[in-house]
Amino acid sequence: MKLSLEYLVREPKIRLDKNPLLLLIHGYGSNEEDLFSFAKELPEEYYIISARAPYNMQHGSYAWYAINFDADQNKFSDNDQARSSRDLIANFIDELIAIYPIDTENVTLIGFSQGTILSYAVALSHPEKVQRVVAMSGYINPEILEENYLKNSFTNLKIFSSHGTADQIIPVEWGRKAKPFLENLGIKTTYKEYPLGHGVSPQNFYDFKNWLLEK
């Protein structure tokens, strides 16, 4: 069965009737191999699936949506493409559940950068599909959430959010806004900062892995 997104999969090493899913959502200009390099370090009972973004930027680089610059070098995001990618990922979760024995009550999105922005958008728009989000080096863009997202129930959603204090791509101030935004919706949120730029430090990885294991 051809799914709507290209992906890599690491099958669980510990088989259950239904296994939990970790869905990895890479950043702008990257590809599905990037976060998948973590797979061997992640818990063995998970399906680990790394999706490739739909917009091809050539030379093995992909994006969930375009980032454009105007004449004054102001950056702006193509929110129509972002909303389309949000819906693609939400649909992709359903496709995965149809072909793999996935526990629908235990789906986690792990995003980095643009992948975090999309992970927030999917989880806040479809909290019935996602129980947990690891949101690294990104921010919440309210313009790409479903219009009626405030009507959703977020009681089962938990979020681990992190950012580098020296991030030159996405300022740490943008990342810091996530915790109050999420807590205002009643979502249990852990937020951590690390002394690094736009990347994932070993400590960041260790912290989110421990957070995943705190059932």
Protein backbone atom coordinates (compact mmCIF):
# COMPACT_ATOMS: atom_id res chain seq x y z
CA MET A 1 0.00 0.00 0.00
CA LYS A 2 1.44 3.36 -1.08
CA LEU A 3 1.14 5.87 1.73
CA SER A 4 0.83 9.62 1.31
CA LEU A 5 4.34 10.28 2.71
CA GLU A 6 7.65 8.49 2.13
CA TYR A 7 9.07 7.10 5.37
CA LEU A 8 11.57 4.87 7.15
CA VAL A 9 10.46 2.37 9.79
CA ARG A 10 12.15 0.57 12.65
CA GLU A 11 9.86 -2.22 13.76
CA PRO A 12 9.56 -2.83 17.51
CA LYS A 13 12.01 -5.31 18.96
CA ILE A 14 9.53 -6.14 21.73
CA ARG A 15 6.23 -7.25 20.20
CA LEU A 16 2.96 -6.42 21.93
CA ASP A 17 -0.60 -6.91 20.69
CA LYS A 18 -0.49 -3.23 19.78
CA ASN A 19 2.77 -1.30 19.90
CA PRO A 20 3.17 2.42 20.59
CA LEU A 21 4.28 4.75 17.78
CA LEU A 22 6.98 7.41 17.68
CA LEU A 23 6.53 9.48 14.53
CA LEU A 24 9.59 11.62 13.69
CA ILE A 25 9.03 14.92 11.86
CA HIS A 26 12.24 16.47 10.50
CA GLY A 27 13.14 20.12 9.99
CA TYR A 28 13.30 22.40 6.93
CA GLY A 29 15.83 21.32 4.30
CA SER A 30 16.44 17.95 5.91
CA ASN A 31 15.01 14.48 5.26
CA GLU A 32 13.68 11.35 6.95
CA GLU A 33 17.18 10.00 7.70
CA ASP A 34 18.03 12.89 10.04
CA LEU A 35 16.03 12.14 13.19
CA PHE A 36 15.98 8.42 12.29
CA SER A 37 19.62 8.32 13.41
CA PHE A 38 18.16 8.38 16.97
CA ALA A 39 16.13 5.21 16.35
CA LYS A 40 18.58 2.69 17.78
CA GLU A 41 18.70 4.65 21.07
CA LEU A 42 14.93 4.78 21.54
CA PRO A 43 12.81 2.29 23.54
CA GLU A 44 12.45 -1.12 21.90
CA GLU A 45 8.68 -1.47 22.17
CA TYR A 46 8.00 1.42 19.77
CA TYR A 47 7.33 1.52 16.07
CA ILE A 48 9.71 4.31 15.06
CA ILE A 49 8.63 5.89 11.81
CA SER A 50 10.37 8.86 10.24
CA ALA A 51 8.37 10.75 7.60
CA ARG A 52 9.74 12.71 4.66
CA ALA A 53 8.24 16.17 4.07
CA PRO A 54 6.34 16.55 0.77
CA TYR A 55 8.11 19.55 -0.81
CA ASN A 56 11.33 18.62 -2.62
CA MET A 57 14.11 21.21 -2.37
CA GLN A 58 16.58 19.09 -4.42
CA HIS A 59 19.72 17.22 -3.31
CA GLY A 60 17.95 15.16 -0.64
CA SER A 61 16.41 18.19 1.10
CA TYR A 62 12.70 18.48 1.84
CA ALA A 63 10.37 20.97 3.52
CA TRP A 64 6.93 20.85 5.11
CA TYR A 65 6.31 24.34 3.72
CA ALA A 66 8.24 27.08 1.95
CA ILE A 67 10.01 29.86 3.84
CA ASN A 68 10.29 32.97 1.69
CA PHE A 69 12.14 36.28 2.04
CA ASP A 70 10.93 39.66 0.88
CA ALA A 71 13.11 42.51 -0.45
CA ASP A 72 14.00 43.56 3.11
CA GLN A 73 15.02 40.01 4.02
CA ASN A 74 11.95 39.56 6.22
CA LYS A 75 11.14 35.89 6.51
CA PHE A 76 7.61 34.61 6.09
CA SER A 77 6.13 31.12 6.02
CA ASP A 78 3.77 29.70 3.41
CA ASN A 79 0.91 28.97 5.81
CA ASP A 80 -1.25 27.37 3.10
CA GLN A 81 1.47 24.76 2.50
CA ALA A 82 1.88 24.37 6.27
CA ARG A 83 -1.84 23.68 6.75
CA SER A 84 -1.73 21.20 3.87
CA SER A 85 1.23 19.41 5.54
CA ARG A 86 -0.62 19.43 8.88
CA ASP A 87 -3.50 17.55 7.22
CA LEU A 88 -1.08 15.21 5.41
CA ILE A 89 0.55 14.19 8.71
CA ALA A 90 -2.82 13.72 10.45
CA ASN A 91 -3.95 11.50 7.56
CA PHE A 92 -0.58 9.67 7.54
CA ILE A 93 -1.13 8.67 11.19
CA ASP A 94 -4.44 7.03 10.14
CA GLU A 95 -2.71 5.27 7.24
CA LEU A 96 0.00 3.87 9.55
CA ILE A 97 -2.63 2.60 12.00
CA ALA A 98 -4.36 0.84 9.11
CA ILE A 99 -1.25 -1.16 8.15
CA TYR A 100 0.69 -1.62 11.41
CA PRO A 101 -0.61 -2.93 14.78
CA ILE A 102 -0.23 0.46 16.48
CA ASP A 103 -1.72 1.36 19.85
CA THR A 104 -3.93 4.33 18.94
CA GLU A 105 -3.82 5.46 22.59
CA ASN A 106 -0.02 5.78 22.50
CA VAL A 107 1.08 7.96 19.58
CA THR A 108 3.97 10.41 20.07
CA LEU A 109 5.23 13.02 17.60
CA ILE A 110 8.90 13.99 17.82
CA GLY A 111 9.64 17.16 15.89
CA PHE A 112 12.67 19.34 15.29
CA SER A 113 12.45 22.96 14.08
CA GLN A 114 9.89 23.11 11.25
CA GLY A 115 8.94 19.58 12.28
CA THR A 116 8.11 20.91 15.76
CA ILE A 117 5.91 23.67 14.31
CA LEU A 118 3.99 20.97 12.40
CA SER A 119 3.89 18.62 15.40
CA TYR A 120 2.26 21.33 17.51
CA ALA A 121 -0.22 22.03 14.69
CA VAL A 122 -1.20 18.35 14.31
CA ALA A 123 -1.50 17.70 18.06
CA LEU A 124 -3.51 20.84 18.83
CA SER A 125 -5.75 20.33 15.78
CA HIS A 126 -6.16 16.56 16.33
CA PRO A 127 -5.54 15.68 19.99
CA GLU A 128 -7.65 12.56 19.45
CA LYS A 129 -4.83 11.19 17.25
CA VAL A 130 -1.77 12.21 19.34
CA GLN A 131 -1.11 11.77 23.05
CA ARG A 132 2.42 13.19 23.36
CA VAL A 133 4.71 15.60 21.56
CA VAL A 134 8.46 16.13 21.86
CA ALA A 135 8.89 19.64 20.44
CA MET A 136 12.53 20.65 19.93
CA SER A 137 13.76 24.03 18.66
CA GLY A 138 10.43 25.21 17.26
CA TYR A 139 7.43 27.35 18.15
CA ILE A 140 3.64 27.42 17.94
CA ASN A 141 2.19 29.14 14.86
CA PRO A 142 -1.50 29.73 15.73
CA GLU A 143 -2.23 30.57 12.07
CA ILE A 144 -1.75 26.94 10.99
CA LEU A 145 -4.01 25.39 13.66
CA GLU A 146 -7.50 24.18 12.73
CA GLU A 147 -9.88 27.13 13.06
CA ASN A 148 -11.98 25.47 15.76
CA TYR A 149 -9.08 23.89 17.68
CA LEU A 150 -10.16 25.53 20.97
CA LYS A 151 -13.19 23.21 21.01
CA ASN A 152 -10.88 20.19 21.27
CA SER A 153 -10.28 18.24 24.47
CA PHE A 154 -6.59 18.27 25.43
CA THR A 155 -6.94 16.14 28.58
CA ASN A 156 -4.81 13.30 27.17
CA LEU A 157 -2.08 15.49 25.63
CA LYS A 158 1.35 15.98 27.20
CA ILE A 159 4.20 17.99 25.73
CA PHE A 160 7.98 18.11 26.20
CA SER A 161 9.31 21.33 24.70
CA SER A 162 12.98 22.35 24.47
CA HIS A 163 15.17 25.03 22.94
CA GLY A 164 18.80 26.09 22.67
CA THR A 165 19.55 29.41 24.37
CA ALA A 166 21.95 30.36 21.55
CA ASP A 167 19.61 29.36 18.68
CA GLN A 168 20.25 31.73 15.74
CA ILE A 169 17.60 30.18 13.45
CA ILE A 170 14.55 30.27 15.75
CA PRO A 171 15.06 32.63 18.71
CA VAL A 172 14.69 31.08 22.15
CA GLU A 173 12.09 33.79 22.98
CA TRP A 174 9.77 32.18 20.41
CA GLY A 175 10.25 28.77 21.98
CA ARG A 176 9.56 30.14 25.48
CA LYS A 177 6.07 31.24 24.46
CA ALA A 178 4.95 27.63 24.02
CA LYS A 179 4.67 26.70 27.72
CA PRO A 180 2.28 29.52 28.75
CA PHE A 181 0.29 29.03 25.51
CA LEU A 182 -0.10 25.29 26.18
CA GLU A 183 -0.74 25.61 29.91
CA ASN A 184 -3.48 28.12 29.13
CA LEU A 185 -5.16 25.24 27.24
CA GLY A 186 -4.70 22.98 30.28
CA ILE A 187 -1.94 20.91 28.61
CA LYS A 188 0.71 19.43 30.91
CA THR A 189 3.98 20.85 29.56
CA THR A 190 7.64 20.30 30.44
CA TYR A 191 9.96 23.01 29.08
CA LYS A 192 13.77 22.88 29.12
CA GLU A 193 16.58 25.00 27.70
CA TYR A 194 20.12 23.98 26.79
CA PRO A 195 23.26 26.06 26.17
CA LEU A 196 23.48 25.39 22.43
CA GLY A 197 22.40 26.67 19.02
CA HIS A 198 19.88 25.14 16.61
CA GLY A 199 20.39 21.47 17.36
CA VAL A 200 19.83 18.59 19.77
CA SER A 201 22.39 18.12 22.53
CA PRO A 202 23.04 14.73 24.18
CA GLN A 203 21.44 16.10 27.36
CA ASN A 204 18.32 17.17 25.39
CA PHE A 205 18.06 13.67 23.92
CA TYR A 206 18.54 12.04 27.34
CA ASP A 207 15.90 14.31 28.92
CA PHE A 208 13.21 13.68 26.32
CA LYS A 209 13.95 9.93 26.33
CA ASN A 210 13.48 9.87 30.12
CA TRP A 211 10.28 11.90 29.71
CA LEU A 212 8.98 9.28 27.24
CA LEU A 213 9.73 6.51 29.75
CA GLU A 214 7.77 8.24 32.56
CA LYS A 215 4.53 6.53 31.64
